[in-house]
Amino acid sequence: MSVSENQGFNTRAVHAGQAFEPRTGAVVPPLHFSSTYAQDGIGGLRDGYEYGRGGNPTRDALQEQLAALEGGSHAYSFSSGLAAEDSLIRALTRPGDHIVLGNDAYGGTYRLISRVLGEWGIGNTPVDMADLDAVATAVAAGGTDGGKTRLVWVETPSNPMMKITDIAALAKLAHDAGALLVVDNTFASPYLQTPLALGADIVVHSTTKYIGGHSDVVGGAIVVNDAGLAEKIGFVQFAVGAVSGPMDAFLTTRGLKTLGVRMDRHSDNAQAVAEWLLERPEVEAVLYPGLPSHPGHELAKKQMKKFGGMISVQFKGGEAAARTVAENTSVFTLAESLGGIESLMNYPSEMTHASVKGTELAVPVNLIRLSCGIEDVEDLIADLEHAFTFIGTGS
């Protein structure tokens, strides 16, 4: 079924890229495992398919789906979110170039940019993306060796400090300086936020998270609205082989079909949990953009449909209290990752963000990150309430 941008999100999620199988009429397109394709004579490709690294019908269906939901013209599905980021940076920067990124960026992103690509001459400056004056200064300054800022890279909401950045304002700032704006939309998903419509040039995702949604597949994605950018990114993806496998693409497509339904539930649960946490005497701060007390609340209302399923919590009892809660839940599972239907809890300082410990991007040691799943919210709150009883007991 062909889809239109005028159709609703859930209609596009279910039908984009999902043409009936012509021979049998199967409503779910078949899963194509083949690594290579028969040719009708030398150079006689069938629908452009030659070799699995260059194209696969199952991956193509996912890419069509991703583009339709993010409002882009081209999408690429990768073997992981970091594979997507690596290919993107290789495609659009050269040694000596400079990237400005958030000073609370995901630890894996910072590790890639600073410790891997930094060895190849790519400079970076971490900055508070909510402070547009500071961003403008960093963009104009460029690298320490005079390198020009090519990319401005932002997560909004950010991981794990839940900062909200004005995408439209940041896009103008980047474009005025001759740079491109990259938005990591993993926390929001295209159901809650579409950065390309707000002026961003490139959207990246860890599709492992909300897009896949079931904690059973690792993947990444890039979506753009410019044919020139798409050509560069697609070339690097093909050249380095950073593509998603057929089964991974199939599972991601299946998850993406229910994204809107799930995000409503994730968001509603997180809102209720955040409001409960706000009243707890053990809590120093609740970082959730759905709370009026959050400094980015009004901006989030403007550029997001709802506020998402992620919450960060800081405890008055410091590191000990945070660790105690993290190790005493039963519905929330202590684990890496986020965005699955099950609720997860994370201690970023020594888990997702361990690679930035001791740097200016270090996460407060009294902070835990909650990924609120789709369970009954009463059970999530009861689980946290039980874990809170262990604070101060040494258990």
Protein backbone atom coordinates (compact mmCIF):
# COMPACT_ATOMS: atom_id res chain seq x y z
CA MET A 1 0.00 0.00 0.00
CA SER A 2 1.31 3.43 -0.89
CA VAL A 3 1.17 5.99 1.88
CA SER A 4 0.80 9.75 1.91
CA GLU A 5 2.36 12.30 4.24
CA ASN A 6 -1.20 13.48 4.88
CA GLN A 7 -2.09 10.18 6.50
CA GLY A 8 -1.81 9.70 10.24
CA PHE A 9 1.33 8.44 11.94
CA ASN A 10 -0.02 5.01 12.84
CA THR A 11 -1.39 4.45 9.34
CA ARG A 12 2.03 5.24 7.87
CA ALA A 13 3.76 3.08 10.48
CA VAL A 14 1.64 0.06 9.59
CA HIS A 15 1.64 0.41 5.81
CA ALA A 16 4.81 2.22 4.62
CA GLY A 17 7.09 -0.18 2.75
CA GLN A 18 4.66 -3.06 3.27
CA ALA A 19 3.56 -4.09 -0.23
CA PHE A 20 1.67 -7.37 -0.48
CA GLU A 21 3.70 -10.31 -1.77
CA PRO A 22 2.49 -10.57 -5.41
CA ARG A 23 2.44 -14.36 -5.83
CA THR A 24 0.51 -15.32 -2.70
CA GLY A 25 -0.94 -12.03 -1.52
CA ALA A 26 0.77 -12.39 1.87
CA VAL A 27 0.04 -9.23 3.86
CA VAL A 28 3.41 -9.44 5.62
CA PRO A 29 6.24 -9.09 3.08
CA PRO A 30 8.53 -12.14 3.05
CA LEU A 31 11.86 -12.08 4.83
CA HIS A 32 14.67 -12.11 2.27
CA PHE A 33 17.81 -13.82 3.57
CA SER A 34 19.63 -14.13 0.25
CA SER A 35 23.11 -12.62 0.16
CA THR A 36 23.18 -12.41 -3.65
CA TYR A 37 20.77 -12.17 -6.59
CA ALA A 38 20.59 -13.82 -10.02
CA GLN A 39 21.27 -11.48 -12.93
CA ASP A 40 19.64 -11.60 -16.35
CA GLY A 41 22.94 -11.38 -18.16
CA ILE A 42 25.97 -9.35 -17.11
CA GLY A 43 24.70 -6.18 -15.49
CA GLY A 44 21.09 -7.32 -15.83
CA LEU A 45 19.93 -6.56 -12.31
CA ARG A 46 16.43 -7.33 -11.11
CA ASP A 47 14.96 -4.25 -9.42
CA GLY A 48 18.50 -3.08 -8.78
CA TYR A 49 19.48 -5.98 -6.50
CA GLU A 50 22.99 -7.33 -6.91
CA TYR A 51 24.55 -8.17 -3.53
CA GLY A 52 23.17 -8.08 0.02
CA ARG A 53 25.53 -5.38 1.26
CA GLY A 54 24.26 -3.03 -1.43
CA GLY A 55 20.58 -3.78 -1.13
CA ASN A 56 18.04 -6.15 0.39
CA PRO A 57 14.24 -6.02 0.00
CA THR A 58 13.65 -6.48 3.73
CA ARG A 59 16.06 -3.67 4.58
CA ASP A 60 14.57 -1.48 1.86
CA ALA A 61 11.10 -1.93 3.36
CA LEU A 62 12.37 -0.73 6.74
CA GLN A 63 14.13 2.24 5.16
CA GLU A 64 10.95 3.28 3.37
CA GLN A 65 9.08 3.03 6.65
CA LEU A 66 11.69 5.13 8.51
CA ALA A 67 11.68 7.85 5.86
CA ALA A 68 7.88 8.03 5.89
CA LEU A 69 7.73 8.46 9.67
CA GLU A 70 10.55 11.00 10.01
CA GLY A 71 9.35 13.00 7.00
CA GLY A 72 12.54 12.36 5.05
CA SER A 73 13.31 11.49 1.45
CA HIS A 74 16.02 8.92 2.20
CA ALA A 75 16.68 6.56 5.11
CA TYR A 76 19.45 4.09 5.80
CA SER A 77 19.31 1.16 8.21
CA PHE A 78 22.54 0.25 10.00
CA SER A 79 23.90 -2.59 12.10
CA SER A 80 23.86 -0.36 15.21
CA GLY A 81 23.33 3.24 16.24
CA LEU A 82 27.07 3.78 16.56
CA ALA A 83 27.66 2.26 13.12
CA ALA A 84 25.22 4.86 11.79
CA GLU A 85 27.03 7.67 13.61
CA ASP A 86 30.44 6.48 12.43
CA SER A 87 29.33 6.29 8.80
CA LEU A 88 27.68 9.69 9.03
CA ILE A 89 30.79 11.40 10.37
CA ARG A 90 33.06 9.67 7.86
CA ALA A 91 30.74 10.76 5.05
CA LEU A 92 30.51 14.42 6.03
CA THR A 93 33.82 15.36 7.68
CA ARG A 94 37.50 15.22 6.85
CA PRO A 95 40.64 15.32 9.01
CA GLY A 96 40.91 18.76 10.60
CA ASP A 97 37.15 19.32 10.75
CA HIS A 98 35.31 20.04 13.99
CA ILE A 99 32.12 18.83 15.67
CA VAL A 100 30.19 20.66 18.40
CA LEU A 101 28.19 18.25 20.55
CA GLY A 102 26.24 18.28 23.79
CA ASN A 103 28.21 18.15 27.02
CA ASP A 104 25.85 15.43 28.25
CA ALA A 105 25.92 13.32 25.10
CA TYR A 106 25.58 9.56 25.21
CA GLY A 107 28.88 8.11 26.34
CA GLY A 108 29.23 5.90 23.28
CA THR A 109 28.82 8.87 20.95
CA TYR A 110 31.46 10.87 22.79
CA ARG A 111 33.82 7.89 22.86
CA LEU A 112 33.42 7.44 19.09
CA ILE A 113 34.00 11.11 18.30
CA SER A 114 36.79 11.79 20.79
CA ARG A 115 38.73 8.54 21.05
CA VAL A 116 38.20 6.88 17.67
CA LEU A 117 37.59 9.64 15.14
CA GLY A 118 39.77 12.01 17.13
CA GLU A 119 42.71 9.78 16.18
CA TRP A 120 41.88 10.57 12.55
CA GLY A 121 41.97 14.32 13.08
CA ILE A 122 38.33 15.12 13.87
CA GLY A 123 38.11 17.70 16.65
CA ASN A 124 35.23 18.23 19.05
CA THR A 125 33.94 20.71 21.61
CA PRO A 126 31.31 19.61 24.17
CA VAL A 127 28.93 22.41 25.15
CA ASP A 128 25.56 22.90 26.86
CA MET A 129 23.19 22.73 23.89
CA ALA A 130 20.47 24.55 25.80
CA ASP A 131 22.78 27.60 25.92
CA LEU A 132 22.61 28.87 22.34
CA ASP A 133 25.17 31.61 22.98
CA ALA A 134 27.67 29.02 24.16
CA VAL A 135 26.91 26.88 21.11
CA ALA A 136 27.42 29.83 18.78
CA THR A 137 30.76 30.61 20.38
CA ALA A 138 31.93 27.00 20.06
CA VAL A 139 30.78 26.74 16.45
CA ALA A 140 32.53 29.97 15.48
CA ALA A 141 35.73 29.03 17.30
CA GLY A 142 36.06 25.72 15.49
CA GLY A 143 38.82 23.28 16.37
CA THR A 144 41.97 24.09 18.30
CA ASP A 145 43.97 23.81 15.09
CA GLY A 146 41.64 26.09 13.16
CA GLY A 147 39.38 23.35 11.85
CA LYS A 148 35.95 24.45 10.64
CA THR A 149 32.83 23.27 12.43
CA ARG A 150 31.02 20.93 10.04
CA LEU A 151 28.46 19.33 12.35
CA VAL A 152 26.42 20.48 15.33
CA TRP A 153 25.25 17.35 17.14
CA VAL A 154 22.42 17.33 19.67
CA GLU A 155 20.29 14.88 21.62
CA THR A 156 16.94 16.27 22.69
CA PRO A 157 15.89 15.06 25.17
CA SER A 158 19.49 14.36 26.09
CA ASN A 159 20.83 11.17 27.62
CA PRO A 160 20.68 11.06 30.62
CA MET A 161 20.27 14.66 31.80
CA MET A 162 17.02 15.14 29.87
CA LYS A 163 17.89 18.60 28.57
CA ILE A 164 15.65 20.05 25.86
CA THR A 165 17.17 22.02 23.00
CA ASP A 166 15.36 24.33 20.59
CA ILE A 167 15.85 22.44 17.32
CA ALA A 168 14.65 25.25 15.06
CA ALA A 169 16.90 27.84 16.72
CA LEU A 170 19.87 25.48 16.68
CA ALA A 171 19.30 24.71 12.99
CA LYS A 172 19.41 28.41 12.13
CA LEU A 173 22.55 28.88 14.20
CA ALA A 174 24.28 25.94 12.49
CA HIS A 175 23.22 26.96 9.00
CA ASP A 176 24.32 30.56 9.50
CA ALA A 177 27.78 29.19 10.30
CA GLY A 178 27.82 26.85 7.31
CA ALA A 179 27.40 23.72 9.45
CA LEU A 180 24.83 20.92 9.41
CA LEU A 181 22.57 20.04 12.32
CA VAL A 182 22.42 16.40 13.40
CA VAL A 183 19.65 15.45 15.85
CA ASP A 184 19.76 12.16 17.73
CA ASN A 185 16.04 11.48 18.01
CA THR A 186 16.36 8.20 19.89
CA PHE A 187 14.70 9.33 23.14
CA ALA A 188 11.74 11.01 21.44
CA SER A 189 11.22 8.78 18.39
CA PRO A 190 9.49 10.14 15.27
CA TYR A 191 6.12 9.69 16.96
CA LEU A 192 6.87 12.45 19.46
CA GLN A 193 9.23 14.68 17.46
CA THR A 194 10.24 15.15 13.81
CA PRO A 195 13.48 17.18 13.71
CA LEU A 196 13.64 17.46 9.91
CA ALA A 197 10.39 19.44 9.98
CA LEU A 198 12.02 21.81 12.49
CA GLY A 199 15.05 22.50 10.31
CA ALA A 200 17.49 19.71 11.16
CA ASP A 201 19.54 18.30 8.29
CA ILE A 202 20.07 14.78 9.60
CA VAL A 203 18.27 12.54 12.08
CA VAL A 204 20.05 9.59 13.69
CA HIS A 205 18.58 6.79 15.78
CA SER A 206 19.57 3.81 17.76
CA THR A 207 16.70 1.69 16.45
CA THR A 208 17.59 -0.77 19.20
CA LYS A 209 15.56 1.45 21.50
CA TYR A 210 11.99 2.68 20.94
CA ILE A 211 11.82 1.97 17.21
CA GLY A 212 12.53 -1.74 17.64
CA GLY A 213 10.85 -1.54 21.00
CA HIS A 214 11.20 -5.12 22.24
CA SER A 215 14.87 -5.40 23.32
CA ASP A 216 15.48 -8.14 20.74
CA VAL A 217 17.41 -6.40 17.97
CA VAL A 218 20.39 -4.03 17.66
CA GLY A 219 20.27 -1.42 14.91
CA GLY A 220 20.66 2.19 13.86
CA ALA A 221 19.28 4.58 11.28
CA ILE A 222 19.95 7.84 9.47
CA VAL A 223 17.20 9.87 7.80
CA VAL A 224 17.77 12.91 5.58
CA ASN A 225 15.81 15.11 3.21
CA ASP A 226 18.61 15.96 0.80
CA ALA A 227 19.70 13.78 -2.12
CA GLY A 228 23.31 14.97 -1.95
CA LEU A 229 23.66 14.07 1.72
CA ALA A 230 21.93 10.76 1.08
CA GLU A 231 24.37 9.85 -1.68
CA LYS A 232 27.39 10.51 0.52
CA ILE A 233 26.00 8.58 3.48
CA GLY A 234 24.83 5.67 1.34
CA PHE A 235 28.23 5.38 -0.31
CA VAL A 236 30.06 5.13 3.01
CA GLN A 237 27.54 2.66 4.41
CA PHE A 238 28.06 0.42 1.38
CA ALA A 239 31.83 0.86 1.39
CA VAL A 240 32.29 -0.09 5.05
CA GLY A 241 29.47 -2.66 5.15
CA ALA A 242 27.61 -1.15 8.11
CA VAL A 243 24.22 -2.49 7.03
CA SER A 244 21.53 -4.17 9.08
CA GLY A 245 20.97 -7.86 8.42
CA PRO A 246 17.65 -9.12 7.04
CA MET A 247 16.39 -10.57 10.34
CA ASP A 248 17.33 -7.40 12.21
CA ALA A 249 15.52 -5.29 9.61
CA PHE A 250 12.45 -7.54 9.80
CA LEU A 251 12.26 -7.33 13.59
CA THR A 252 12.73 -3.56 13.51
CA THR A 253 9.95 -3.17 10.94
CA ARG A 254 7.64 -5.27 13.09
CA GLY A 255 8.41 -3.13 16.12
CA LEU A 256 8.03 0.13 14.24
CA LYS A 257 4.46 -0.71 13.26
CA THR A 258 3.34 -0.31 16.89
CA LEU A 259 5.58 2.63 17.79
CA GLY A 260 2.78 5.17 18.19
CA VAL A 261 0.71 2.92 20.44
CA ARG A 262 3.73 2.09 22.58
CA MET A 263 4.99 5.68 22.86
CA ASP A 264 1.64 6.85 24.17
CA ARG A 265 1.84 4.24 26.93
CA HIS A 266 5.53 4.87 27.68
CA SER A 267 4.85 8.60 27.96
CA ASP A 268 1.76 8.26 30.12
CA ASN A 269 3.52 5.87 32.49
CA ALA A 270 6.59 8.10 32.75
CA GLN A 271 4.46 11.16 33.47
CA ALA A 272 2.76 9.38 36.36
CA VAL A 273 6.03 7.99 37.74
CA ALA A 274 7.73 11.40 37.49
CA GLU A 275 4.90 13.09 39.36
CA TRP A 276 5.12 10.43 42.09
CA LEU A 277 8.89 10.82 42.35
CA LEU A 278 8.54 14.58 42.70
CA GLU A 279 6.75 14.09 46.02
CA ARG A 280 9.31 11.72 47.53
CA PRO A 281 11.50 13.14 50.32
CA GLU A 282 14.44 10.95 49.25
CA VAL A 283 14.62 12.63 45.84
CA GLU A 284 16.79 15.67 45.13
CA ALA A 285 15.67 16.22 41.53
CA VAL A 286 13.41 14.63 38.93
CA LEU A 287 14.59 15.26 35.38
CA TYR A 288 11.55 14.84 33.14
CA PRO A 289 10.36 17.41 30.57
CA GLY A 290 6.72 16.65 31.30
CA LEU A 291 7.02 18.35 34.69
CA PRO A 292 6.27 22.10 34.75
CA SER A 293 9.34 22.51 36.97
CA HIS A 294 11.63 21.24 34.19
CA PRO A 295 13.48 24.19 32.57
CA GLY A 296 12.68 22.84 29.10
CA HIS A 297 9.01 22.09 29.76
CA GLU A 298 7.51 24.85 27.61
CA LEU A 299 9.91 24.15 24.75
CA ALA A 300 9.16 20.43 24.95
CA LYS A 301 5.43 21.20 24.75
CA LYS A 302 6.13 23.16 21.58
CA GLN A 303 8.28 20.66 19.69
CA MET A 304 7.14 17.30 21.11
CA LYS A 305 3.77 15.55 21.03
CA LYS A 306 4.26 14.07 24.52
CA PHE A 307 7.27 13.93 26.82
CA GLY A 308 8.56 10.40 26.35
CA GLY A 309 9.28 7.43 28.55
CA MET A 310 12.65 8.39 30.03
CA ILE A 311 13.21 9.85 33.51
CA SER A 312 16.40 10.59 35.40
CA VAL A 313 16.35 10.86 39.20
CA GLN A 314 18.92 12.30 41.58
CA PHE A 315 18.92 11.31 45.25
CA LYS A 316 19.64 13.36 48.36
CA GLY A 317 21.47 10.35 49.78
CA GLY A 318 24.07 10.53 47.03
CA GLU A 319 25.72 7.58 45.34
CA ALA A 320 24.74 5.12 48.05
CA ALA A 321 21.04 5.88 47.68
CA ALA A 322 21.16 5.68 43.89
CA ARG A 323 22.94 2.33 43.98
CA THR A 324 20.55 0.98 46.59
CA VAL A 325 17.46 1.77 44.54
CA ALA A 326 19.06 0.43 41.36
CA GLU A 327 19.80 -2.90 43.03
CA ASN A 328 16.47 -3.44 44.78
CA THR A 329 13.75 -3.39 42.14
CA SER A 330 11.93 -6.35 40.61
CA VAL A 331 9.65 -4.89 37.91
CA PHE A 332 12.33 -2.47 36.75
CA THR A 333 15.28 -4.53 35.51
CA LEU A 334 18.81 -3.24 36.09
CA ALA A 335 20.26 -3.30 32.58
CA GLU A 336 21.85 -1.34 29.77
CA SER A 337 19.68 0.11 27.00
CA LEU A 338 16.18 1.60 27.03
CA GLY A 339 12.99 1.90 25.04
CA GLY A 340 11.72 -1.67 25.32
CA ILE A 341 8.26 -2.66 26.43
CA GLU A 342 9.75 -3.76 29.76
CA SER A 343 10.87 -1.17 32.31
CA LEU A 344 14.63 -0.83 32.74
CA MET A 345 16.78 0.96 35.30
CA ASN A 346 20.32 2.11 34.69
CA TYR A 347 23.14 3.57 36.78
CA PRO A 348 24.76 5.69 34.02
CA SER A 349 27.92 6.64 35.90
CA GLU A 350 29.16 3.06 35.72
CA MET A 351 27.01 1.63 32.94
CA THR A 352 25.99 3.53 29.78
CA HIS A 353 28.26 6.50 30.51
CA ALA A 354 31.22 4.74 32.13
CA SER A 355 33.41 5.79 29.20
CA VAL A 356 33.06 9.47 30.15
CA LYS A 357 33.67 9.03 33.88
CA GLY A 358 36.24 11.59 35.03
CA THR A 359 35.62 13.89 32.05
CA GLU A 360 33.50 17.02 31.72
CA LEU A 361 30.71 14.76 30.45
CA ALA A 362 30.65 12.65 33.63
CA VAL A 363 27.19 11.82 34.95
CA PRO A 364 26.37 12.64 38.61
CA VAL A 365 26.92 9.60 40.81
CA ASN A 366 23.60 10.16 42.61
CA LEU A 367 21.62 9.69 39.39
CA ILE A 368 19.68 6.73 38.05
CA ARG A 369 17.90 6.58 34.69
CA LEU A 370 14.49 4.98 34.28
CA SER A 371 13.07 3.65 31.04
CA CYS A 372 9.38 3.29 31.81
CA GLY A 373 7.86 0.35 29.97
CA ILE A 374 4.25 -0.45 29.19
CA GLU A 375 3.43 -2.36 32.38
CA ASP A 376 0.64 -1.19 34.68
CA VAL A 377 1.88 2.05 36.17
CA GLU A 378 0.65 1.10 39.64
CA ASP A 379 3.12 -1.79 39.60
CA LEU A 380 5.98 0.47 38.51
CA ILE A 381 5.30 2.88 41.35
CA ALA A 382 4.91 0.06 43.88
CA ASP A 383 8.24 -1.39 42.75
CA LEU A 384 10.02 1.93 43.24
CA GLU A 385 8.31 2.51 46.57
CA HIS A 386 9.57 -0.87 47.78
CA ALA A 387 13.12 -0.13 46.58
CA PHE A 388 13.06 3.22 48.38
CA THR A 389 12.55 1.43 51.69
CA PHE A 390 16.13 0.12 51.44
CA ILE A 391 17.68 3.60 51.33
CA GLY A 392 19.76 4.09 54.43
CA THR A 393 19.55 0.46 55.54
CA GLY A 394 22.75 -0.64 53.84
CA SER A 395 20.87 -3.47 52.14
